[in-house]
PDBML (XML) file of the C-alpha atoms, coordinates in Angstrom:
<?xml version="1.0" encoding="UTF-8" ?>
<PDBx:datablock datablockName="MODEL"
   xmlns:PDBx="http://pdbml.pdb.org/schema/pdbx-v50.xsd"
   xmlns:xsi="http://www.w3.org/2001/XMLSchema-instance"
   xsi:schemaLocation="http://pdbml.pdb.org/schema/pdbx-v50.xsd pdbx-v50.xsd">
   <PDBx:atom_siteCategory>
      <PDBx:atom_site id="1">
         <PDBx:B_iso_or_equiv>0.00</PDBx:B_iso_or_equiv>
         <PDBx:Cartn_x>170.776</PDBx:Cartn_x>
         <PDBx:Cartn_y>-36.287</PDBx:Cartn_y>
         <PDBx:Cartn_z>16.364</PDBx:Cartn_z>
         <PDBx:auth_asym_id>A</PDBx:auth_asym_id>
         <PDBx:auth_atom_id>CA</PDBx:auth_atom_id>
         <PDBx:auth_comp_id>UNK</PDBx:auth_comp_id>
         <PDBx:auth_seq_id>1</PDBx:auth_seq_id>
         <PDBx:group_PDB>ATOM</PDBx:group_PDB>
         <PDBx:label_alt_id xsi:nil="true" />
         <PDBx:label_asym_id>A</PDBx:label_asym_id>
         <PDBx:label_atom_id>CA</PDBx:label_atom_id>
         <PDBx:label_comp_id>UNK</PDBx:label_comp_id>
         <PDBx:label_entity_id>1</PDBx:label_entity_id>
         <PDBx:label_seq_id>1</PDBx:label_seq_id>
         <PDBx:occupancy>1.00</PDBx:occupancy>
         <PDBx:pdbx_PDB_model_num>1</PDBx:pdbx_PDB_model_num>
         <PDBx:type_symbol>C</PDBx:type_symbol>
      </PDBx:atom_site>
      <PDBx:atom_site id="2">
         <PDBx:B_iso_or_equiv>0.00</PDBx:B_iso_or_equiv>
         <PDBx:Cartn_x>167.869</PDBx:Cartn_x>
         <PDBx:Cartn_y>-35.017</PDBx:Cartn_y>
         <PDBx:Cartn_z>18.728</PDBx:Cartn_z>
         <PDBx:auth_asym_id>A</PDBx:auth_asym_id>
         <PDBx:auth_atom_id>CA</PDBx:auth_atom_id>
         <PDBx:auth_comp_id>UNK</PDBx:auth_comp_id>
         <PDBx:auth_seq_id>2</PDBx:auth_seq_id>
         <PDBx:group_PDB>ATOM</PDBx:group_PDB>
         <PDBx:label_alt_id xsi:nil="true" />
         <PDBx:label_asym_id>A</PDBx:label_asym_id>
         <PDBx:label_atom_id>CA</PDBx:label_atom_id>
         <PDBx:label_comp_id>UNK</PDBx:label_comp_id>
         <PDBx:label_entity_id>1</PDBx:label_entity_id>
         <PDBx:label_seq_id>2</PDBx:label_seq_id>
         <PDBx:occupancy>1.00</PDBx:occupancy>
         <PDBx:pdbx_PDB_model_num>1</PDBx:pdbx_PDB_model_num>
         <PDBx:type_symbol>C</PDBx:type_symbol>
      </PDBx:atom_site>
      <PDBx:atom_site id="3">
         <PDBx:B_iso_or_equiv>0.00</PDBx:B_iso_or_equiv>
         <PDBx:Cartn_x>165.396</PDBx:Cartn_x>
         <PDBx:Cartn_y>-35.116</PDBx:Cartn_y>
         <PDBx:Cartn_z>15.592</PDBx:Cartn_z>
         <PDBx:auth_asym_id>A</PDBx:auth_asym_id>
         <PDBx:auth_atom_id>CA</PDBx:auth_atom_id>
         <PDBx:auth_comp_id>UNK</PDBx:auth_comp_id>
         <PDBx:auth_seq_id>3</PDBx:auth_seq_id>
         <PDBx:group_PDB>ATOM</PDBx:group_PDB>
         <PDBx:label_alt_id xsi:nil="true" />
         <PDBx:label_asym_id>A</PDBx:label_asym_id>
         <PDBx:label_atom_id>CA</PDBx:label_atom_id>
         <PDBx:label_comp_id>UNK</PDBx:label_comp_id>
         <PDBx:label_entity_id>1</PDBx:label_entity_id>
         <PDBx:label_seq_id>3</PDBx:label_seq_id>
         <PDBx:occupancy>1.00</PDBx:occupancy>
         <PDBx:pdbx_PDB_model_num>1</PDBx:pdbx_PDB_model_num>
         <PDBx:type_symbol>C</PDBx:type_symbol>
      </PDBx:atom_site>
      <PDBx:atom_site id="4">
         <PDBx:B_iso_or_equiv>0.00</PDBx:B_iso_or_equiv>
         <PDBx:Cartn_x>166.801</PDBx:Cartn_x>
         <PDBx:Cartn_y>-38.858</PDBx:Cartn_y>
         <PDBx:Cartn_z>14.691</PDBx:Cartn_z>
         <PDBx:auth_asym_id>A</PDBx:auth_asym_id>
         <PDBx:auth_atom_id>CA</PDBx:auth_atom_id>
         <PDBx:auth_comp_id>UNK</PDBx:auth_comp_id>
         <PDBx:auth_seq_id>4</PDBx:auth_seq_id>
         <PDBx:group_PDB>ATOM</PDBx:group_PDB>
         <PDBx:label_alt_id xsi:nil="true" />
         <PDBx:label_asym_id>A</PDBx:label_asym_id>
         <PDBx:label_atom_id>CA</PDBx:label_atom_id>
         <PDBx:label_comp_id>UNK</PDBx:label_comp_id>
         <PDBx:label_entity_id>1</PDBx:label_entity_id>
         <PDBx:label_seq_id>4</PDBx:label_seq_id>
         <PDBx:occupancy>1.00</PDBx:occupancy>
         <PDBx:pdbx_PDB_model_num>1</PDBx:pdbx_PDB_model_num>
         <PDBx:type_symbol>C</PDBx:type_symbol>
      </PDBx:atom_site>
      <PDBx:atom_site id="5">
         <PDBx:B_iso_or_equiv>0.00</PDBx:B_iso_or_equiv>
         <PDBx:Cartn_x>166.157</PDBx:Cartn_x>
         <PDBx:Cartn_y>-40.038</PDBx:Cartn_y>
         <PDBx:Cartn_z>18.272</PDBx:Cartn_z>
         <PDBx:auth_asym_id>A</PDBx:auth_asym_id>
         <PDBx:auth_atom_id>CA</PDBx:auth_atom_id>
         <PDBx:auth_comp_id>UNK</PDBx:auth_comp_id>
         <PDBx:auth_seq_id>5</PDBx:auth_seq_id>
         <PDBx:group_PDB>ATOM</PDBx:group_PDB>
         <PDBx:label_alt_id xsi:nil="true" />
         <PDBx:label_asym_id>A</PDBx:label_asym_id>
         <PDBx:label_atom_id>CA</PDBx:label_atom_id>
         <PDBx:label_comp_id>UNK</PDBx:label_comp_id>
         <PDBx:label_entity_id>1</PDBx:label_entity_id>
         <PDBx:label_seq_id>5</PDBx:label_seq_id>
         <PDBx:occupancy>1.00</PDBx:occupancy>
         <PDBx:pdbx_PDB_model_num>1</PDBx:pdbx_PDB_model_num>
         <PDBx:type_symbol>C</PDBx:type_symbol>
      </PDBx:atom_site>
      <PDBx:atom_site id="6">
         <PDBx:B_iso_or_equiv>0.00</PDBx:B_iso_or_equiv>
         <PDBx:Cartn_x>162.504</PDBx:Cartn_x>
         <PDBx:Cartn_y>-38.575</PDBx:Cartn_y>
         <PDBx:Cartn_z>18.154</PDBx:Cartn_z>
         <PDBx:auth_asym_id>A</PDBx:auth_asym_id>
         <PDBx:auth_atom_id>CA</PDBx:auth_atom_id>
         <PDBx:auth_comp_id>UNK</PDBx:auth_comp_id>
         <PDBx:auth_seq_id>6</PDBx:auth_seq_id>
         <PDBx:group_PDB>ATOM</PDBx:group_PDB>
         <PDBx:label_alt_id xsi:nil="true" />
         <PDBx:label_asym_id>A</PDBx:label_asym_id>
         <PDBx:label_atom_id>CA</PDBx:label_atom_id>
         <PDBx:label_comp_id>UNK</PDBx:label_comp_id>
         <PDBx:label_entity_id>1</PDBx:label_entity_id>
         <PDBx:label_seq_id>6</PDBx:label_seq_id>
         <PDBx:occupancy>1.00</PDBx:occupancy>
         <PDBx:pdbx_PDB_model_num>1</PDBx:pdbx_PDB_model_num>
         <PDBx:type_symbol>C</PDBx:type_symbol>
      </PDBx:atom_site>
      <PDBx:atom_site id="7">
         <PDBx:B_iso_or_equiv>0.00</PDBx:B_iso_or_equiv>
         <PDBx:Cartn_x>161.994</PDBx:Cartn_x>
         <PDBx:Cartn_y>-40.254</PDBx:Cartn_y>
         <PDBx:Cartn_z>14.893</PDBx:Cartn_z>
         <PDBx:auth_asym_id>A</PDBx:auth_asym_id>
         <PDBx:auth_atom_id>CA</PDBx:auth_atom_id>
         <PDBx:auth_comp_id>UNK</PDBx:auth_comp_id>
         <PDBx:auth_seq_id>7</PDBx:auth_seq_id>
         <PDBx:group_PDB>ATOM</PDBx:group_PDB>
         <PDBx:label_alt_id xsi:nil="true" />
         <PDBx:label_asym_id>A</PDBx:label_asym_id>
         <PDBx:label_atom_id>CA</PDBx:label_atom_id>
         <PDBx:label_comp_id>UNK</PDBx:label_comp_id>
         <PDBx:label_entity_id>1</PDBx:label_entity_id>
         <PDBx:label_seq_id>7</PDBx:label_seq_id>
         <PDBx:occupancy>1.00</PDBx:occupancy>
         <PDBx:pdbx_PDB_model_num>1</PDBx:pdbx_PDB_model_num>
         <PDBx:type_symbol>C</PDBx:type_symbol>
      </PDBx:atom_site>
      <PDBx:atom_site id="8">
         <PDBx:B_iso_or_equiv>0.00</PDBx:B_iso_or_equiv>
         <PDBx:Cartn_x>163.149</PDBx:Cartn_x>
         <PDBx:Cartn_y>-43.631</PDBx:Cartn_y>
         <PDBx:Cartn_z>16.192</PDBx:Cartn_z>
         <PDBx:auth_asym_id>A</PDBx:auth_asym_id>
         <PDBx:auth_atom_id>CA</PDBx:auth_atom_id>
         <PDBx:auth_comp_id>UNK</PDBx:auth_comp_id>
         <PDBx:auth_seq_id>8</PDBx:auth_seq_id>
         <PDBx:group_PDB>ATOM</PDBx:group_PDB>
         <PDBx:label_alt_id xsi:nil="true" />
         <PDBx:label_asym_id>A</PDBx:label_asym_id>
         <PDBx:label_atom_id>CA</PDBx:label_atom_id>
         <PDBx:label_comp_id>UNK</PDBx:label_comp_id>
         <PDBx:label_entity_id>1</PDBx:label_entity_id>
         <PDBx:label_seq_id>8</PDBx:label_seq_id>
         <PDBx:occupancy>1.00</PDBx:occupancy>
         <PDBx:pdbx_PDB_model_num>1</PDBx:pdbx_PDB_model_num>
         <PDBx:type_symbol>C</PDBx:type_symbol>
      </PDBx:atom_site>
      <PDBx:atom_site id="9">
         <PDBx:B_iso_or_equiv>0.00</PDBx:B_iso_or_equiv>
         <PDBx:Cartn_x>161.294</PDBx:Cartn_x>
         <PDBx:Cartn_y>-43.338</PDBx:Cartn_y>
         <PDBx:Cartn_z>19.331</PDBx:Cartn_z>
         <PDBx:auth_asym_id>A</PDBx:auth_asym_id>
         <PDBx:auth_atom_id>CA</PDBx:auth_atom_id>
         <PDBx:auth_comp_id>UNK</PDBx:auth_comp_id>
         <PDBx:auth_seq_id>9</PDBx:auth_seq_id>
         <PDBx:group_PDB>ATOM</PDBx:group_PDB>
         <PDBx:label_alt_id xsi:nil="true" />
         <PDBx:label_asym_id>A</PDBx:label_asym_id>
         <PDBx:label_atom_id>CA</PDBx:label_atom_id>
         <PDBx:label_comp_id>UNK</PDBx:label_comp_id>
         <PDBx:label_entity_id>1</PDBx:label_entity_id>
         <PDBx:label_seq_id>9</PDBx:label_seq_id>
         <PDBx:occupancy>1.00</PDBx:occupancy>
         <PDBx:pdbx_PDB_model_num>1</PDBx:pdbx_PDB_model_num>
         <PDBx:type_symbol>C</PDBx:type_symbol>
      </PDBx:atom_site>
      <PDBx:atom_site id="10">
         <PDBx:B_iso_or_equiv>0.00</PDBx:B_iso_or_equiv>
         <PDBx:Cartn_x>158.098</PDBx:Cartn_x>
         <PDBx:Cartn_y>-42.601</PDBx:Cartn_y>
         <PDBx:Cartn_z>17.813</PDBx:Cartn_z>
         <PDBx:auth_asym_id>A</PDBx:auth_asym_id>
         <PDBx:auth_atom_id>CA</PDBx:auth_atom_id>
         <PDBx:auth_comp_id>UNK</PDBx:auth_comp_id>
         <PDBx:auth_seq_id>10</PDBx:auth_seq_id>
         <PDBx:group_PDB>ATOM</PDBx:group_PDB>
         <PDBx:label_alt_id xsi:nil="true" />
         <PDBx:label_asym_id>A</PDBx:label_asym_id>
         <PDBx:label_atom_id>CA</PDBx:label_atom_id>
         <PDBx:label_comp_id>UNK</PDBx:label_comp_id>
         <PDBx:label_entity_id>1</PDBx:label_entity_id>
         <PDBx:label_seq_id>10</PDBx:label_seq_id>
         <PDBx:occupancy>1.00</PDBx:occupancy>
         <PDBx:pdbx_PDB_model_num>1</PDBx:pdbx_PDB_model_num>
         <PDBx:type_symbol>C</PDBx:type_symbol>
      </PDBx:atom_site>
      <PDBx:atom_site id="11">
         <PDBx:B_iso_or_equiv>0.00</PDBx:B_iso_or_equiv>
         <PDBx:Cartn_x>158.699</PDBx:Cartn_x>
         <PDBx:Cartn_y>-45.317</PDBx:Cartn_y>
         <PDBx:Cartn_z>15.283</PDBx:Cartn_z>
         <PDBx:auth_asym_id>A</PDBx:auth_asym_id>
         <PDBx:auth_atom_id>CA</PDBx:auth_atom_id>
         <PDBx:auth_comp_id>UNK</PDBx:auth_comp_id>
         <PDBx:auth_seq_id>11</PDBx:auth_seq_id>
         <PDBx:group_PDB>ATOM</PDBx:group_PDB>
         <PDBx:label_alt_id xsi:nil="true" />
         <PDBx:label_asym_id>A</PDBx:label_asym_id>
         <PDBx:label_atom_id>CA</PDBx:label_atom_id>
         <PDBx:label_comp_id>UNK</PDBx:label_comp_id>
         <PDBx:label_entity_id>1</PDBx:label_entity_id>
         <PDBx:label_seq_id>11</PDBx:label_seq_id>
         <PDBx:occupancy>1.00</PDBx:occupancy>
         <PDBx:pdbx_PDB_model_num>1</PDBx:pdbx_PDB_model_num>
         <PDBx:type_symbol>C</PDBx:type_symbol>
      </PDBx:atom_site>
      <PDBx:atom_site id="12">
         <PDBx:B_iso_or_equiv>0.00</PDBx:B_iso_or_equiv>
         <PDBx:Cartn_x>159.123</PDBx:Cartn_x>
         <PDBx:Cartn_y>-47.971</PDBx:Cartn_y>
         <PDBx:Cartn_z>18.289</PDBx:Cartn_z>
         <PDBx:auth_asym_id>A</PDBx:auth_asym_id>
         <PDBx:auth_atom_id>CA</PDBx:auth_atom_id>
         <PDBx:auth_comp_id>UNK</PDBx:auth_comp_id>
         <PDBx:auth_seq_id>12</PDBx:auth_seq_id>
         <PDBx:group_PDB>ATOM</PDBx:group_PDB>
         <PDBx:label_alt_id xsi:nil="true" />
         <PDBx:label_asym_id>A</PDBx:label_asym_id>
         <PDBx:label_atom_id>CA</PDBx:label_atom_id>
         <PDBx:label_comp_id>UNK</PDBx:label_comp_id>
         <PDBx:label_entity_id>1</PDBx:label_entity_id>
         <PDBx:label_seq_id>12</PDBx:label_seq_id>
         <PDBx:occupancy>1.00</PDBx:occupancy>
         <PDBx:pdbx_PDB_model_num>1</PDBx:pdbx_PDB_model_num>
         <PDBx:type_symbol>C</PDBx:type_symbol>
      </PDBx:atom_site>
      <PDBx:atom_site id="13">
         <PDBx:B_iso_or_equiv>0.00</PDBx:B_iso_or_equiv>
         <PDBx:Cartn_x>156.233</PDBx:Cartn_x>
         <PDBx:Cartn_y>-46.766</PDBx:Cartn_y>
         <PDBx:Cartn_z>20.092</PDBx:Cartn_z>
         <PDBx:auth_asym_id>A</PDBx:auth_asym_id>
         <PDBx:auth_atom_id>CA</PDBx:auth_atom_id>
         <PDBx:auth_comp_id>UNK</PDBx:auth_comp_id>
         <PDBx:auth_seq_id>13</PDBx:auth_seq_id>
         <PDBx:group_PDB>ATOM</PDBx:group_PDB>
         <PDBx:label_alt_id xsi:nil="true" />
         <PDBx:label_asym_id>A</PDBx:label_asym_id>
         <PDBx:label_atom_id>CA</PDBx:label_atom_id>
         <PDBx:label_comp_id>UNK</PDBx:label_comp_id>
         <PDBx:label_entity_id>1</PDBx:label_entity_id>
         <PDBx:label_seq_id>13</PDBx:label_seq_id>
         <PDBx:occupancy>1.00</PDBx:occupancy>
         <PDBx:pdbx_PDB_model_num>1</PDBx:pdbx_PDB_model_num>
         <PDBx:type_symbol>C</PDBx:type_symbol>
      </PDBx:atom_site>
      <PDBx:atom_site id="14">
         <PDBx:B_iso_or_equiv>0.00</PDBx:B_iso_or_equiv>
         <PDBx:Cartn_x>154.113</PDBx:Cartn_x>
         <PDBx:Cartn_y>-47.316</PDBx:Cartn_y>
         <PDBx:Cartn_z>16.991</PDBx:Cartn_z>
         <PDBx:auth_asym_id>A</PDBx:auth_asym_id>
         <PDBx:auth_atom_id>CA</PDBx:auth_atom_id>
         <PDBx:auth_comp_id>UNK</PDBx:auth_comp_id>
         <PDBx:auth_seq_id>14</PDBx:auth_seq_id>
         <PDBx:group_PDB>ATOM</PDBx:group_PDB>
         <PDBx:label_alt_id xsi:nil="true" />
         <PDBx:label_asym_id>A</PDBx:label_asym_id>
         <PDBx:label_atom_id>CA</PDBx:label_atom_id>
         <PDBx:label_comp_id>UNK</PDBx:label_comp_id>
         <PDBx:label_entity_id>1</PDBx:label_entity_id>
         <PDBx:label_seq_id>14</PDBx:label_seq_id>
         <PDBx:occupancy>1.00</PDBx:occupancy>
         <PDBx:pdbx_PDB_model_num>1</PDBx:pdbx_PDB_model_num>
         <PDBx:type_symbol>C</PDBx:type_symbol>
      </PDBx:atom_site>
      <PDBx:atom_site id="15">
         <PDBx:B_iso_or_equiv>0.00</PDBx:B_iso_or_equiv>
         <PDBx:Cartn_x>155.540</PDBx:Cartn_x>
         <PDBx:Cartn_y>-50.657</PDBx:Cartn_y>
         <PDBx:Cartn_z>16.238</PDBx:Cartn_z>
         <PDBx:auth_asym_id>A</PDBx:auth_asym_id>
         <PDBx:auth_atom_id>CA</PDBx:auth_atom_id>
         <PDBx:auth_comp_id>UNK</PDBx:auth_comp_id>
         <PDBx:auth_seq_id>15</PDBx:auth_seq_id>
         <PDBx:group_PDB>ATOM</PDBx:group_PDB>
         <PDBx:label_alt_id xsi:nil="true" />
         <PDBx:label_asym_id>A</PDBx:label_asym_id>
         <PDBx:label_atom_id>CA</PDBx:label_atom_id>
         <PDBx:label_comp_id>UNK</PDBx:label_comp_id>
         <PDBx:label_entity_id>1</PDBx:label_entity_id>
         <PDBx:label_seq_id>15</PDBx:label_seq_id>
         <PDBx:occupancy>1.00</PDBx:occupancy>
         <PDBx:pdbx_PDB_model_num>1</PDBx:pdbx_PDB_model_num>
         <PDBx:type_symbol>C</PDBx:type_symbol>
      </PDBx:atom_site>
      <PDBx:atom_site id="16">
         <PDBx:B_iso_or_equiv>0.00</PDBx:B_iso_or_equiv>
         <PDBx:Cartn_x>154.707</PDBx:Cartn_x>
         <PDBx:Cartn_y>-51.722</PDBx:Cartn_y>
         <PDBx:Cartn_z>19.805</PDBx:Cartn_z>
         <PDBx:auth_asym_id>A</PDBx:auth_asym_id>
         <PDBx:auth_atom_id>CA</PDBx:auth_atom_id>
         <PDBx:auth_comp_id>UNK</PDBx:auth_comp_id>
         <PDBx:auth_seq_id>16</PDBx:auth_seq_id>
         <PDBx:group_PDB>ATOM</PDBx:group_PDB>
         <PDBx:label_alt_id xsi:nil="true" />
         <PDBx:label_asym_id>A</PDBx:label_asym_id>
         <PDBx:label_atom_id>CA</PDBx:label_atom_id>
         <PDBx:label_comp_id>UNK</PDBx:label_comp_id>
         <PDBx:label_entity_id>1</PDBx:label_entity_id>
         <PDBx:label_seq_id>16</PDBx:label_seq_id>
         <PDBx:occupancy>1.00</PDBx:occupancy>
         <PDBx:pdbx_PDB_model_num>1</PDBx:pdbx_PDB_model_num>
         <PDBx:type_symbol>C</PDBx:type_symbol>
      </PDBx:atom_site>
      <PDBx:atom_site id="17">
         <PDBx:B_iso_or_equiv>0.00</PDBx:B_iso_or_equiv>
         <PDBx:Cartn_x>157.673</PDBx:Cartn_x>
         <PDBx:Cartn_y>-54.111</PDBx:Cartn_y>
         <PDBx:Cartn_z>20.191</PDBx:Cartn_z>
         <PDBx:auth_asym_id>A</PDBx:auth_asym_id>
         <PDBx:auth_atom_id>CA</PDBx:auth_atom_id>
         <PDBx:auth_comp_id>UNK</PDBx:auth_comp_id>
         <PDBx:auth_seq_id>17</PDBx:auth_seq_id>
         <PDBx:group_PDB>ATOM</PDBx:group_PDB>
         <PDBx:label_alt_id xsi:nil="true" />
         <PDBx:label_asym_id>A</PDBx:label_asym_id>
         <PDBx:label_atom_id>CA</PDBx:label_atom_id>
         <PDBx:label_comp_id>UNK</PDBx:label_comp_id>
         <PDBx:label_entity_id>1</PDBx:label_entity_id>
         <PDBx:label_seq_id>17</PDBx:label_seq_id>
         <PDBx:occupancy>1.00</PDBx:occupancy>
         <PDBx:pdbx_PDB_model_num>1</PDBx:pdbx_PDB_model_num>
         <PDBx:type_symbol>C</PDBx:type_symbol>
      </PDBx:atom_site>
      <PDBx:atom_site id="18">
         <PDBx:B_iso_or_equiv>0.00</PDBx:B_iso_or_equiv>
         <PDBx:Cartn_x>156.999</PDBx:Cartn_x>
         <PDBx:Cartn_y>-55.956</PDBx:Cartn_y>
         <PDBx:Cartn_z>16.946</PDBx:Cartn_z>
         <PDBx:auth_asym_id>A</PDBx:auth_asym_id>
         <PDBx:auth_atom_id>CA</PDBx:auth_atom_id>
         <PDBx:auth_comp_id>UNK</PDBx:auth_comp_id>
         <PDBx:auth_seq_id>18</PDBx:auth_seq_id>
         <PDBx:group_PDB>ATOM</PDBx:group_PDB>
         <PDBx:label_alt_id xsi:nil="true" />
         <PDBx:label_asym_id>A</PDBx:label_asym_id>
         <PDBx:label_atom_id>CA</PDBx:label_atom_id>
         <PDBx:label_comp_id>UNK</PDBx:label_comp_id>
         <PDBx:label_entity_id>1</PDBx:label_entity_id>
         <PDBx:label_seq_id>18</PDBx:label_seq_id>
         <PDBx:occupancy>1.00</PDBx:occupancy>
         <PDBx:pdbx_PDB_model_num>1</PDBx:pdbx_PDB_model_num>
         <PDBx:type_symbol>C</PDBx:type_symbol>
      </PDBx:atom_site>
      <PDBx:atom_site id="19">
         <PDBx:B_iso_or_equiv>0.00</PDBx:B_iso_or_equiv>
         <PDBx:Cartn_x>159.801</PDBx:Cartn_x>
         <PDBx:Cartn_y>-56.285</PDBx:Cartn_y>
         <PDBx:Cartn_z>14.259</PDBx:Cartn_z>
         <PDBx:auth_asym_id>A</PDBx:auth_asym_id>
         <PDBx:auth_atom_id>CA</PDBx:auth_atom_id>
         <PDBx:auth_comp_id>UNK</PDBx:auth_comp_id>
         <PDBx:auth_seq_id>19</PDBx:auth_seq_id>
         <PDBx:group_PDB>ATOM</PDBx:group_PDB>
         <PDBx:label_alt_id xsi:nil="true" />
         <PDBx:label_asym_id>A</PDBx:label_asym_id>
         <PDBx:label_atom_id>CA</PDBx:label_atom_id>
         <PDBx:label_comp_id>UNK</PDBx:label_comp_id>
         <PDBx:label_entity_id>1</PDBx:label_entity_id>
         <PDBx:label_seq_id>19</PDBx:label_seq_id>
         <PDBx:occupancy>1.00</PDBx:occupancy>
         <PDBx:pdbx_PDB_model_num>1</PDBx:pdbx_PDB_model_num>
         <PDBx:type_symbol>C</PDBx:type_symbol>
      </PDBx:atom_site>
      <PDBx:atom_site id="20">
         <PDBx:B_iso_or_equiv>0.00</PDBx:B_iso_or_equiv>
         <PDBx:Cartn_x>158.812</PDBx:Cartn_x>
         <PDBx:Cartn_y>-55.041</PDBx:Cartn_y>
         <PDBx:Cartn_z>10.883</PDBx:Cartn_z>
         <PDBx:auth_asym_id>A</PDBx:auth_asym_id>
         <PDBx:auth_atom_id>CA</PDBx:auth_atom_id>
         <PDBx:auth_comp_id>UNK</PDBx:auth_comp_id>
         <PDBx:auth_seq_id>20</PDBx:auth_seq_id>
         <PDBx:group_PDB>ATOM</PDBx:group_PDB>
         <PDBx:label_alt_id xsi:nil="true" />
         <PDBx:label_asym_id>A</PDBx:label_asym_id>
         <PDBx:label_atom_id>CA</PDBx:label_atom_id>
         <PDBx:label_comp_id>UNK</PDBx:label_comp_id>
         <PDBx:label_entity_id>1</PDBx:label_entity_id>
         <PDBx:label_seq_id>20</PDBx:label_seq_id>
         <PDBx:occupancy>1.00</PDBx:occupancy>
         <PDBx:pdbx_PDB_model_num>1</PDBx:pdbx_PDB_model_num>
         <PDBx:type_symbol>C</PDBx:type_symbol>
      </PDBx:atom_site>
      <PDBx:atom_site id="21">
         <PDBx:B_iso_or_equiv>0.00</PDBx:B_iso_or_equiv>
         <PDBx:Cartn_x>160.398</PDBx:Cartn_x>
         <PDBx:Cartn_y>-54.150</PDBx:Cartn_y>
         <PDBx:Cartn_z>7.372</PDBx:Cartn_z>
         <PDBx:auth_asym_id>A</PDBx:auth_asym_id>
         <PDBx:auth_atom_id>CA</PDBx:auth_atom_id>
         <PDBx:auth_comp_id>UNK</PDBx:auth_comp_id>
         <PDBx:auth_seq_id>21</PDBx:auth_seq_id>
         <PDBx:group_PDB>ATOM</PDBx:group_PDB>
         <PDBx:label_alt_id xsi:nil="true" />
         <PDBx:label_asym_id>A</PDBx:label_asym_id>
         <PDBx:label_atom_id>CA</PDBx:label_atom_id>
         <PDBx:label_comp_id>UNK</PDBx:label_comp_id>
         <PDBx:label_entity_id>1</PDBx:label_entity_id>
         <PDBx:label_seq_id>21</PDBx:label_seq_id>
         <PDBx:occupancy>1.00</PDBx:occupancy>
         <PDBx:pdbx_PDB_model_num>1</PDBx:pdbx_PDB_model_num>
         <PDBx:type_symbol>C</PDBx:type_symbol>
      </PDBx:atom_site>
      <PDBx:atom_site id="22">
         <PDBx:B_iso_or_equiv>0.00</PDBx:B_iso_or_equiv>
         <PDBx:Cartn_x>160.526</PDBx:Cartn_x>
         <PDBx:Cartn_y>-50.332</PDBx:Cartn_y>
         <PDBx:Cartn_z>7.098</PDBx:Cartn_z>
         <PDBx:auth_asym_id>A</PDBx:auth_asym_id>
         <PDBx:auth_atom_id>CA</PDBx:auth_atom_id>
         <PDBx:auth_comp_id>UNK</PDBx:auth_comp_id>
         <PDBx:auth_seq_id>22</PDBx:auth_seq_id>
         <PDBx:group_PDB>ATOM</PDBx:group_PDB>
         <PDBx:label_alt_id xsi:nil="true" />
         <PDBx:label_asym_id>A</PDBx:label_asym_id>
         <PDBx:label_atom_id>CA</PDBx:label_atom_id>
         <PDBx:label_comp_id>UNK</PDBx:label_comp_id>
         <PDBx:label_entity_id>1</PDBx:label_entity_id>
         <PDBx:label_seq_id>22</PDBx:label_seq_id>
         <PDBx:occupancy>1.00</PDBx:occupancy>
         <PDBx:pdbx_PDB_model_num>1</PDBx:pdbx_PDB_model_num>
         <PDBx:type_symbol>C</PDBx:type_symbol>
      </PDBx:atom_site>
      <PDBx:atom_site id="23">
         <PDBx:B_iso_or_equiv>0.00</PDBx:B_iso_or_equiv>
         <PDBx:Cartn_x>160.063</PDBx:Cartn_x>
         <PDBx:Cartn_y>-48.201</PDBx:Cartn_y>
         <PDBx:Cartn_z>3.920</PDBx:Cartn_z>
         <PDBx:auth_asym_id>A</PDBx:auth_asym_id>
         <PDBx:auth_atom_id>CA</PDBx:auth_atom_id>
         <PDBx:auth_comp_id>UNK</PDBx:auth_comp_id>
         <PDBx:auth_seq_id>23</PDBx:auth_seq_id>
         <PDBx:group_PDB>ATOM</PDBx:group_PDB>
         <PDBx:label_alt_id xsi:nil="true" />
         <PDBx:label_asym_id>A</PDBx:label_asym_id>
         <PDBx:label_atom_id>CA</PDBx:label_atom_id>
         <PDBx:label_comp_id>UNK</PDBx:label_comp_id>
         <PDBx:label_entity_id>1</PDBx:label_entity_id>
         <PDBx:label_seq_id>23</PDBx:label_seq_id>
         <PDBx:occupancy>1.00</PDBx:occupancy>
         <PDBx:pdbx_PDB_model_num>1</PDBx:pdbx_PDB_model_num>
         <PDBx:type_symbol>C</PDBx:type_symbol>
      </PDBx:atom_site>
      <PDBx:atom_site id="24">
         <PDBx:B_iso_or_equiv>0.00</PDBx:B_iso_or_equiv>
         <PDBx:Cartn_x>161.658</PDBx:Cartn_x>
         <PDBx:Cartn_y>-44.628</PDBx:Cartn_y>
         <PDBx:Cartn_z>4.579</PDBx:Cartn_z>
         <PDBx:auth_asym_id>A</PDBx:auth_asym_id>
         <PDBx:auth_atom_id>CA</PDBx:auth_atom_id>
         <PDBx:auth_comp_id>UNK</PDBx:auth_comp_id>
         <PDBx:auth_seq_id>24</PDBx:auth_seq_id>
         <PDBx:group_PDB>ATOM</PDBx:group_PDB>
         <PDBx:label_alt_id xsi:nil="true" />
         <PDBx:label_asym_id>A</PDBx:label_asym_id>
         <PDBx:label_atom_id>CA</PDBx:label_atom_id>
         <PDBx:label_comp_id>UNK</PDBx:label_comp_id>
         <PDBx:label_entity_id>1</PDBx:label_entity_id>
         <PDBx:label_seq_id>24</PDBx:label_seq_id>
         <PDBx:occupancy>1.00</PDBx:occupancy>
         <PDBx:pdbx_PDB_model_num>1</PDBx:pdbx_PDB_model_num>
         <PDBx:type_symbol>C</PDBx:type_symbol>
      </PDBx:atom_site>
      <PDBx:atom_site id="25">
         <PDBx:B_iso_or_equiv>0.00</PDBx:B_iso_or_equiv>
         <PDBx:Cartn_x>160.646</PDBx:Cartn_x>
         <PDBx:Cartn_y>-42.144</PDBx:Cartn_y>
         <PDBx:Cartn_z>1.745</PDBx:Cartn_z>
         <PDBx:auth_asym_id>A</PDBx:auth_asym_id>
         <PDBx:auth_atom_id>CA</PDBx:auth_atom_id>
         <PDBx:auth_comp_id>UNK</PDBx:auth_comp_id>
         <PDBx:auth_seq_id>25</PDBx:auth_seq_id>
         <PDBx:group_PDB>ATOM</PDBx:group_PDB>
         <PDBx:label_alt_id xsi:nil="true" />
         <PDBx:label_asym_id>A</PDBx:label_asym_id>
         <PDBx:label_atom_id>CA</PDBx:label_atom_id>
         <PDBx:label_comp_id>UNK</PDBx:label_comp_id>
         <PDBx:label_entity_id>1</PDBx:label_entity_id>
         <PDBx:label_seq_id>25</PDBx:label_seq_id>
         <PDBx:occupancy>1.00</PDBx:occupancy>
         <PDBx:pdbx_PDB_model_num>1</PDBx:pdbx_PDB_model_num>
         <PDBx:type_symbol>C</PDBx:type_symbol>
      </PDBx:atom_site>
   </PDBx:atom_siteCategory>
</PDBx:datablock>
């Protein structure tokens, strides 16, 4: 769970409040 929260937090910061399609490999 802490790793998942970090992954999502970093993704949201990179996206800068812009909704995008996401490829998760």
